[in-house]
Amino acid sequence: MDCKAVIFDLDGTLIDSLYDLWTSTNHALMQCGFPLRTRREVCSFVGNGVGELIHKAVPEGTDAEQESRCLDCFRAHYVEHCRDHTGLYEGVEPMLATLRARGLRTAIVSNKLQAGVDSICQWLFRGLVDVAVGEHGHVRRKPWPDMLLEAMRQLRVEPHEVVYVGDSDVDIQTARAAGVPCLSVLWGFRSRDFLLAHGARVLLSHPQEVCSFLFPPQERPLRPPRFPV
């Protein structure tokens, strides 16, 4: 394929944000008098935005007003603590730098609010990402293809010129809906078996494998052995 751009999911793909999402979730649950959740439970809840995260975290049958209050508590805490333990996965920065050096454009699409995505890009991705699309009023959240299509529009590329990289079933569904291939990563929030069960076609074990996939080493012709004269 003639790849001109690589578009990435954010949480679980480029950044490890699980600990901060977990602590903010439990802070909100505690403030509202709800039972706390394990880190593994919160890991299984992420991927569809913080509204869906809190919807899954609160007890079944919680009324809309209580759930809304819990979501507000989460957002207030997460804004203050989203950088406490969050950072790039090992290998992400050199991988992005390699893509840029090879002339590819890069973008992020995330179900985080646009303001949060912009803040993280300024913090961790300055000079490494061309476009960042988060949740705002003009696009639907993943797995709808809107965010991916908007990123492609801003990058001025077509689906056949793009590869999408993500860590979840939501990312697989989003790529399929937008008509672009998806590379699924194994260092994020979902297991190999889970990803395969949800249609993953290409699995990557380290960020550098994004570059290896796009720029495979050329086979060198075998040289005849040299013998002393």
C-alpha atoms as a PDB file:
ATOM      1  CA  MET A   1       0.000   0.000   0.000  1.00  0.00           C
ATOM      2  CA  ASP A   2       1.044   3.592  -0.578  1.00  0.00           C
ATOM      3  CA  CYS A   3       0.817   4.704   3.051  1.00  0.00           C
ATOM      4  CA  LYS A   4       0.961   8.441   3.609  1.00  0.00           C
ATOM      5  CA  ALA A   5      -0.378   8.702   7.185  1.00  0.00           C
ATOM      6  CA  VAL A   6      -0.672   6.696  10.397  1.00  0.00           C
ATOM      7  CA  ILE A   7      -3.551   7.462  12.749  1.00  0.00           C
ATOM      8  CA  PHE A   8      -3.432   6.303  16.356  1.00  0.00           C
ATOM      9  CA  ASP A   9      -5.820   5.691  19.196  1.00  0.00           C
ATOM     10  CA  LEU A  10      -4.534   7.372  22.380  1.00  0.00           C
ATOM     11  CA  ASP A  11      -5.235   5.540  25.674  1.00  0.00           C
ATOM     12  CA  GLY A  12      -3.788   2.037  25.647  1.00  0.00           C
ATOM     13  CA  THR A  13      -2.009   2.639  22.341  1.00  0.00           C
ATOM     14  CA  LEU A  14       0.303   5.627  22.784  1.00  0.00           C
ATOM     15  CA  ILE A  15      -0.138   6.374  26.490  1.00  0.00           C
ATOM     16  CA  ASP A  16      -0.604   4.202  29.565  1.00  0.00           C
ATOM     17  CA  SER A  17      -3.311   6.088  31.446  1.00  0.00           C
ATOM     18  CA  LEU A  18      -4.999   3.188  33.225  1.00  0.00           C
ATOM     19  CA  TYR A  19      -3.816   3.952  36.767  1.00  0.00           C
ATOM     20  CA  ASP A  20      -5.094   7.533  36.651  1.00  0.00           C
ATOM     21  CA  LEU A  21      -8.407   6.454  35.101  1.00  0.00           C
ATOM     22  CA  TRP A  22      -8.771   3.826  37.834  1.00  0.00           C
ATOM     23  CA  THR A  23      -8.034   6.166  40.746  1.00  0.00           C
ATOM     24  CA  SER A  24     -10.349   8.878  39.397  1.00  0.00           C
ATOM     25  CA  THR A  25     -13.120   6.319  38.894  1.00  0.00           C
ATOM     26  CA  ASN A  26     -12.821   5.063  42.454  1.00  0.00           C
ATOM     27  CA  HIS A  27     -12.634   8.601  43.810  1.00  0.00           C
ATOM     28  CA  ALA A  28     -15.929   9.398  42.094  1.00  0.00           C
ATOM     29  CA  LEU A  29     -17.549   6.145  43.250  1.00  0.00           C
ATOM     30  CA  MET A  30     -16.419   6.755  46.828  1.00  0.00           C
ATOM     31  CA  GLN A  31     -17.738  10.331  46.788  1.00  0.00           C
ATOM     32  CA  CYS A  32     -21.112   9.002  45.689  1.00  0.00           C
ATOM     33  CA  GLY A  33     -21.206   6.147  48.210  1.00  0.00           C
ATOM     34  CA  PHE A  34     -20.844   3.392  45.592  1.00  0.00           C
ATOM     35  CA  PRO A  35     -18.662   0.248  45.831  1.00  0.00           C
ATOM     36  CA  LEU A  36     -15.161   0.621  44.416  1.00  0.00           C
ATOM     37  CA  ARG A  37     -13.924  -1.151  41.300  1.00  0.00           C
ATOM     38  CA  THR A  38     -10.744  -3.135  40.705  1.00  0.00           C
ATOM     39  CA  ARG A  39      -8.113  -1.979  38.264  1.00  0.00           C
ATOM     40  CA  ARG A  40      -8.969  -4.916  36.008  1.00  0.00           C
ATOM     41  CA  GLU A  41     -12.648  -3.954  36.000  1.00  0.00           C
ATOM     42  CA  VAL A  42     -11.873  -0.353  35.046  1.00  0.00           C
ATOM     43  CA  CYS A  43      -9.541  -1.624  32.309  1.00  0.00           C
ATOM     44  CA  SER A  44     -12.465  -3.544  30.808  1.00  0.00           C
ATOM     45  CA  PHE A  45     -14.712  -0.450  30.980  1.00  0.00           C
ATOM     46  CA  VAL A  46     -12.515   1.991  29.039  1.00  0.00           C
ATOM     47  CA  GLY A  47     -12.627   2.591  25.296  1.00  0.00           C
ATOM     48  CA  ASN A  48     -15.962   4.310  24.696  1.00  0.00           C
ATOM     49  CA  GLY A  49     -15.402   7.581  26.549  1.00  0.00           C
ATOM     50  CA  VAL A  50     -15.673   8.532  30.215  1.00  0.00           C
ATOM     51  CA  GLY A  51     -19.474   8.621  30.138  1.00  0.00           C
ATOM     52  CA  GLU A  52     -19.578   4.939  29.257  1.00  0.00           C
ATOM     53  CA  LEU A  53     -16.795   4.226  31.767  1.00  0.00           C
ATOM     54  CA  ILE A  54     -18.841   5.652  34.634  1.00  0.00           C
ATOM     55  CA  HIS A  55     -22.043   4.068  33.344  1.00  0.00           C
ATOM     56  CA  LYS A  56     -20.378   0.667  33.628  1.00  0.00           C
ATOM     57  CA  ALA A  57     -18.673   1.475  36.934  1.00  0.00           C
ATOM     58  CA  VAL A  58     -21.753   2.535  38.924  1.00  0.00           C
ATOM     59  CA  PRO A  59     -24.022  -0.187  40.344  1.00  0.00           C
ATOM     60  CA  GLU A  60     -26.632  -1.566  38.001  1.00  0.00           C
ATOM     61  CA  GLY A  61     -29.909   0.312  38.421  1.00  0.00           C
ATOM     62  CA  THR A  62     -28.285   3.629  39.399  1.00  0.00           C
ATOM     63  CA  ASP A  63     -30.609   6.450  38.372  1.00  0.00           C
ATOM     64  CA  ALA A  64     -29.546   9.044  35.813  1.00  0.00           C
ATOM     65  CA  GLU A  65     -29.117  11.867  38.352  1.00  0.00           C
ATOM     66  CA  GLN A  66     -26.740   9.845  40.548  1.00  0.00           C
ATOM     67  CA  GLU A  67     -24.777   8.646  37.521  1.00  0.00           C
ATOM     68  CA  SER A  68     -24.452  12.217  36.259  1.00  0.00           C
ATOM     69  CA  ARG A  69     -23.172  13.342  39.676  1.00  0.00           C
ATOM     70  CA  CYS A  70     -20.630  10.519  39.669  1.00  0.00           C
ATOM     71  CA  LEU A  71     -19.475  11.493  36.181  1.00  0.00           C
ATOM     72  CA  ASP A  72     -19.014  15.104  37.293  1.00  0.00           C
ATOM     73  CA  CYS A  73     -16.937  13.919  40.271  1.00  0.00           C
ATOM     74  CA  PHE A  74     -14.809  11.805  37.954  1.00  0.00           C
ATOM     75  CA  ARG A  75     -14.181  14.639  35.519  1.00  0.00           C
ATOM     76  CA  ALA A  76     -13.244  17.101  38.254  1.00  0.00           C
ATOM     77  CA  HIS A  77     -10.777  14.650  39.797  1.00  0.00           C
ATOM     78  CA  TYR A  78      -9.324  13.461  36.491  1.00  0.00           C
ATOM     79  CA  VAL A  79      -8.587  16.994  35.291  1.00  0.00           C
ATOM     80  CA  GLU A  80      -6.423  17.486  38.386  1.00  0.00           C
ATOM     81  CA  HIS A  81      -4.777  14.052  38.401  1.00  0.00           C
ATOM     82  CA  CYS A  82      -4.607  12.864  34.769  1.00  0.00           C
ATOM     83  CA  ARG A  83      -0.816  13.333  34.693  1.00  0.00           C
ATOM     84  CA  ASP A  84       0.007  11.678  38.028  1.00  0.00           C
ATOM     85  CA  HIS A  85       0.984   8.297  36.596  1.00  0.00           C
ATOM     86  CA  THR A  86       0.226   8.648  32.870  1.00  0.00           C
ATOM     87  CA  GLY A  87       3.010   8.546  30.307  1.00  0.00           C
ATOM     88  CA  LEU A  88       4.126   7.246  26.933  1.00  0.00           C
ATOM     89  CA  TYR A  89       4.589   3.533  26.468  1.00  0.00           C
ATOM     90  CA  GLU A  90       8.226   2.614  25.971  1.00  0.00           C
ATOM     91  CA  GLY A  91       9.170   2.916  22.319  1.00  0.00           C
ATOM     92  CA  VAL A  92       6.352   5.247  21.298  1.00  0.00           C
ATOM     93  CA  GLU A  93       8.420   8.421  20.956  1.00  0.00           C
ATOM     94  CA  PRO A  94      11.143   6.917  18.701  1.00  0.00           C
ATOM     95  CA  MET A  95       8.464   5.159  16.667  1.00  0.00           C
ATOM     96  CA  LEU A  96       6.657   8.448  16.002  1.00  0.00           C
ATOM     97  CA  ALA A  97       9.946  10.168  15.236  1.00  0.00           C
ATOM     98  CA  THR A  98      10.804   7.445  12.704  1.00  0.00           C
ATOM     99  CA  LEU A  99       7.447   7.794  10.958  1.00  0.00           C
ATOM    100  CA  ARG A 100       7.926  11.548  10.693  1.00  0.00           C
ATOM    101  CA  ALA A 101      11.481  11.131   9.410  1.00  0.00           C
ATOM    102  CA  ARG A 102      10.194   8.785   6.697  1.00  0.00           C
ATOM    103  CA  GLY A 103       7.747  11.458   5.547  1.00  0.00           C
ATOM    104  CA  LEU A 104       4.510  10.065   6.981  1.00  0.00           C
ATOM    105  CA  ARG A 105       1.935  12.284   8.631  1.00  0.00           C
ATOM    106  CA  THR A 106       0.527  11.296  12.010  1.00  0.00           C
ATOM    107  CA  ALA A 107      -2.712  11.858  13.894  1.00  0.00           C
ATOM    108  CA  ILE A 108      -4.520  10.892  17.096  1.00  0.00           C
ATOM    109  CA  VAL A 109      -8.225  10.086  17.422  1.00  0.00           C
ATOM    110  CA  SER A 110      -9.625   9.600  20.900  1.00  0.00           C
ATOM    111  CA  ASN A 111     -12.948   9.388  22.707  1.00  0.00           C
ATOM    112  CA  LYS A 112     -11.538  11.799  25.289  1.00  0.00           C
ATOM    113  CA  LEU A 113     -12.950  15.322  25.157  1.00  0.00           C
ATOM    114  CA  GLN A 114     -11.189  17.525  22.602  1.00  0.00           C
ATOM    115  CA  ALA A 115      -9.768  19.812  25.308  1.00  0.00           C
ATOM    116  CA  GLY A 116      -8.203  16.829  27.056  1.00  0.00           C
ATOM    117  CA  VAL A 117      -6.704  15.481  23.822  1.00  0.00           C
ATOM    118  CA  ASP A 118      -5.259  18.902  22.993  1.00  0.00           C
ATOM    119  CA  SER A 119      -3.738  19.177  26.472  1.00  0.00           C
ATOM    120  CA  ILE A 120      -2.087  15.756  26.240  1.00  0.00           C
ATOM    121  CA  CYS A 121      -0.742  16.504  22.761  1.00  0.00           C
ATOM    122  CA  GLN A 122       0.863  19.704  24.014  1.00  0.00           C
ATOM    123  CA  TRP A 123       2.311  17.807  26.956  1.00  0.00           C
ATOM    124  CA  LEU A 124       3.581  14.600  25.339  1.00  0.00           C
ATOM    125  CA  PHE A 125       3.446  14.889  21.539  1.00  0.00           C
ATOM    126  CA  ARG A 126       4.697  18.347  20.644  1.00  0.00           C
ATOM    127  CA  GLY A 127       6.154  18.144  17.147  1.00  0.00           C
ATOM    128  CA  LEU A 128       5.270  14.467  16.745  1.00  0.00           C
ATOM    129  CA  VAL A 129       1.584  14.609  15.745  1.00  0.00           C
ATOM    130  CA  ASP A 130      -0.003  16.688  12.970  1.00  0.00           C
ATOM    131  CA  VAL A 131      -3.679  16.330  13.868  1.00  0.00           C
ATOM    132  CA  ALA A 132      -5.595  15.434  17.042  1.00  0.00           C
ATOM    133  CA  VAL A 133      -9.328  14.715  17.075  1.00  0.00           C
ATOM    134  CA  GLY A 134     -11.268  14.201  20.304  1.00  0.00           C
ATOM    135  CA  GLU A 135     -14.919  14.200  21.269  1.00  0.00           C
ATOM    136  CA  HIS A 136     -16.724  17.403  20.350  1.00  0.00           C
ATOM    137  CA  GLY A 137     -20.084  18.445  19.022  1.00  0.00           C
ATOM    138  CA  HIS A 138     -19.399  17.829  15.342  1.00  0.00           C
ATOM    139  CA  VAL A 139     -18.270  14.189  15.402  1.00  0.00           C
ATOM    140  CA  ARG A 140     -19.626  11.011  16.915  1.00  0.00           C
ATOM    141  CA  ARG A 141     -17.448   8.935  19.207  1.00  0.00           C
ATOM    142  CA  LYS A 142     -15.759   5.742  18.076  1.00  0.00           C
ATOM    143  CA  PRO A 143     -16.743   3.135  16.930  1.00  0.00           C
ATOM    144  CA  TRP A 144     -18.546   5.512  14.556  1.00  0.00           C
ATOM    145  CA  PRO A 145     -16.007   6.395  11.828  1.00  0.00           C
ATOM    146  CA  ASP A 146     -16.482  10.175  12.179  1.00  0.00           C
ATOM    147  CA  MET A 147     -13.283  10.918  14.128  1.00  0.00           C
ATOM    148  CA  LEU A 148     -11.136   8.844  11.808  1.00  0.00           C
ATOM    149  CA  LEU A 149     -12.712  10.423   8.744  1.00  0.00           C
ATOM    150  CA  GLU A 150     -12.214  13.898  10.223  1.00  0.00           C
ATOM    151  CA  ALA A 151      -8.541  13.164  10.870  1.00  0.00           C
ATOM    152  CA  MET A 152      -8.149  11.969   7.275  1.00  0.00           C
ATOM    153  CA  ARG A 153      -9.853  15.116   6.020  1.00  0.00           C
ATOM    154  CA  GLN A 154      -7.439  17.313   7.976  1.00  0.00           C
ATOM    155  CA  LEU A 155      -4.464  15.237   6.831  1.00  0.00           C
ATOM    156  CA  ARG A 156      -5.748  15.351   3.232  1.00  0.00           C
ATOM    157  CA  VAL A 157      -5.432  11.608   2.711  1.00  0.00           C
ATOM    158  CA  GLU A 158      -7.738   8.885   1.431  1.00  0.00           C
ATOM    159  CA  PRO A 159      -8.601   5.609   3.225  1.00  0.00           C
ATOM    160  CA  HIS A 160      -6.265   3.573   1.000  1.00  0.00           C
ATOM    161  CA  GLU A 161      -3.376   5.828   2.096  1.00  0.00           C
ATOM    162  CA  VAL A 162      -3.935   5.320   5.849  1.00  0.00           C
ATOM    163  CA  VAL A 163      -3.159   2.773   8.544  1.00  0.00           C
ATOM    164  CA  TYR A 164      -4.967   2.953  11.884  1.00  0.00           C
ATOM    165  CA  VAL A 165      -3.355   1.674  15.094  1.00  0.00           C
ATOM    166  CA  GLY A 166      -5.372   0.838  18.224  1.00  0.00           C
ATOM    167  CA  ASP A 167      -5.618  -1.499  21.194  1.00  0.00           C
ATOM    168  CA  SER A 168      -9.293  -2.430  21.408  1.00  0.00           C
ATOM    169  CA  ASP A 169     -12.344  -3.907  19.750  1.00  0.00           C
ATOM    170  CA  VAL A 170     -13.658  -0.348  19.412  1.00  0.00           C
ATOM    171  CA  ASP A 171     -10.631   0.512  17.281  1.00  0.00           C
ATOM    172  CA  ILE A 172     -11.134  -2.538  15.063  1.00  0.00           C
ATOM    173  CA  GLN A 173     -14.773  -1.553  14.534  1.00  0.00           C
ATOM    174  CA  THR A 174     -13.825   2.083  13.854  1.00  0.00           C
ATOM    175  CA  ALA A 175     -11.228   1.174  11.244  1.00  0.00           C
ATOM    176  CA  ARG A 176     -13.625  -1.219   9.535  1.00  0.00           C
ATOM    177  CA  ALA A 177     -16.349   1.446   9.441  1.00  0.00           C
ATOM    178  CA  ALA A 178     -13.930   3.953   7.888  1.00  0.00           C
ATOM    179  CA  GLY A 179     -12.552   1.463   5.370  1.00  0.00           C
ATOM    180  CA  VAL A 180      -8.945   1.486   6.586  1.00  0.00           C
ATOM    181  CA  PRO A 181      -6.688  -1.351   7.806  1.00  0.00           C
ATOM    182  CA  CYS A 182      -6.174  -1.713  11.558  1.00  0.00           C
ATOM    183  CA  LEU A 183      -3.008  -2.742  13.384  1.00  0.00           C
ATOM    184  CA  SER A 184      -3.891  -4.028  16.876  1.00  0.00           C
ATOM    185  CA  VAL A 185      -1.344  -3.591  19.676  1.00  0.00           C
ATOM    186  CA  LEU A 186      -0.742  -6.044  22.502  1.00  0.00           C
ATOM    187  CA  TRP A 187       0.752  -3.645  25.057  1.00  0.00           C
ATOM    188  CA  GLY A 188      -2.553  -1.875  25.747  1.00  0.00           C
ATOM    189  CA  PHE A 189      -5.784  -2.616  27.585  1.00  0.00           C
ATOM    190  CA  ARG A 190      -6.918  -5.769  25.742  1.00  0.00           C
ATOM    191  CA  SER A 191      -5.462  -9.274  25.489  1.00  0.00           C
ATOM    192  CA  ARG A 192      -4.365 -11.152  22.377  1.00  0.00           C
ATOM    193  CA  ASP A 193      -7.286 -13.598  22.676  1.00  0.00           C
ATOM    194  CA  PHE A 194      -9.777 -10.762  23.100  1.00  0.00           C
ATOM    195  CA  LEU A 195      -8.481  -8.914  20.038  1.00  0.00           C
ATOM    196  CA  LEU A 196      -8.456 -12.030  17.871  1.00  0.00           C
ATOM    197  CA  ALA A 197     -12.001 -12.852  18.975  1.00  0.00           C
ATOM    198  CA  HIS A 198     -13.066  -9.367  17.838  1.00  0.00           C
ATOM    199  CA  GLY A 199     -11.540  -9.581  14.395  1.00  0.00           C
ATOM    200  CA  ALA A 200      -7.931  -8.408  14.756  1.00  0.00           C
ATOM    201  CA  ARG A 201      -5.908  -9.229  11.643  1.00  0.00           C
ATOM    202  CA  VAL A 202      -2.446  -7.837  12.477  1.00  0.00           C
ATOM    203  CA  LEU A 203      -1.035  -7.944  16.026  1.00  0.00           C
ATOM    204  CA  LEU A 204       1.983  -5.918  17.144  1.00  0.00           C
ATOM    205  CA  SER A 205       4.024  -6.579  20.294  1.00  0.00           C
ATOM    206  CA  HIS A 206       6.136  -3.386  20.396  1.00  0.00           C
ATOM    207  CA  PRO A 207       5.737   0.142  18.995  1.00  0.00           C
ATOM    208  CA  GLN A 208       8.741  -0.307  16.719  1.00  0.00           C
ATOM    209  CA  GLU A 209       6.794  -3.005  14.879  1.00  0.00           C
ATOM    210  CA  VAL A 210       4.599  -0.254  13.430  1.00  0.00           C
ATOM    211  CA  CYS A 211       7.674   0.864  11.486  1.00  0.00           C
ATOM    212  CA  SER A 212       8.669  -2.708  10.655  1.00  0.00           C
ATOM    213  CA  PHE A 213       5.211  -3.335   9.221  1.00  0.00           C
ATOM    214  CA  LEU A 214       5.266  -0.201   7.076  1.00  0.00           C
ATOM    215  CA  PHE A 215       8.937  -0.356   6.060  1.00  0.00           C
ATOM    216  CA  PRO A 216       9.874  -4.044   5.801  1.00  0.00           C
ATOM    217  CA  PRO A 217      13.576  -4.609   5.190  1.00  0.00           C
ATOM    218  CA  GLN A 218      14.343  -5.295   1.556  1.00  0.00           C
ATOM    219  CA  GLU A 219      15.679  -8.737   0.840  1.00  0.00           C
ATOM    220  CA  ARG A 220      19.283  -8.639  -0.155  1.00  0.00           C
ATOM    221  CA  PRO A 221      20.433 -10.925  -3.001  1.00  0.00           C
ATOM    222  CA  LEU A 222      22.749 -13.698  -1.912  1.00  0.00           C
ATOM    223  CA  ARG A 223      26.358 -13.075  -2.893  1.00  0.00           C
ATOM    224  CA  PRO A 224      28.365 -15.967  -4.282  1.00  0.00           C
ATOM    225  CA  PRO A 225      31.081 -17.107  -1.897  1.00  0.00           C
ATOM    226  CA  ARG A 226      34.537 -15.711  -2.491  1.00  0.00           C
ATOM    227  CA  PHE A 227      37.397 -18.145  -2.628  1.00  0.00           C
ATOM    228  CA  PRO A 228      41.057 -17.323  -2.397  1.00  0.00           C
ATOM    229  CA  VAL A 229      42.768 -17.268  -5.781  1.00  0.00           C
END
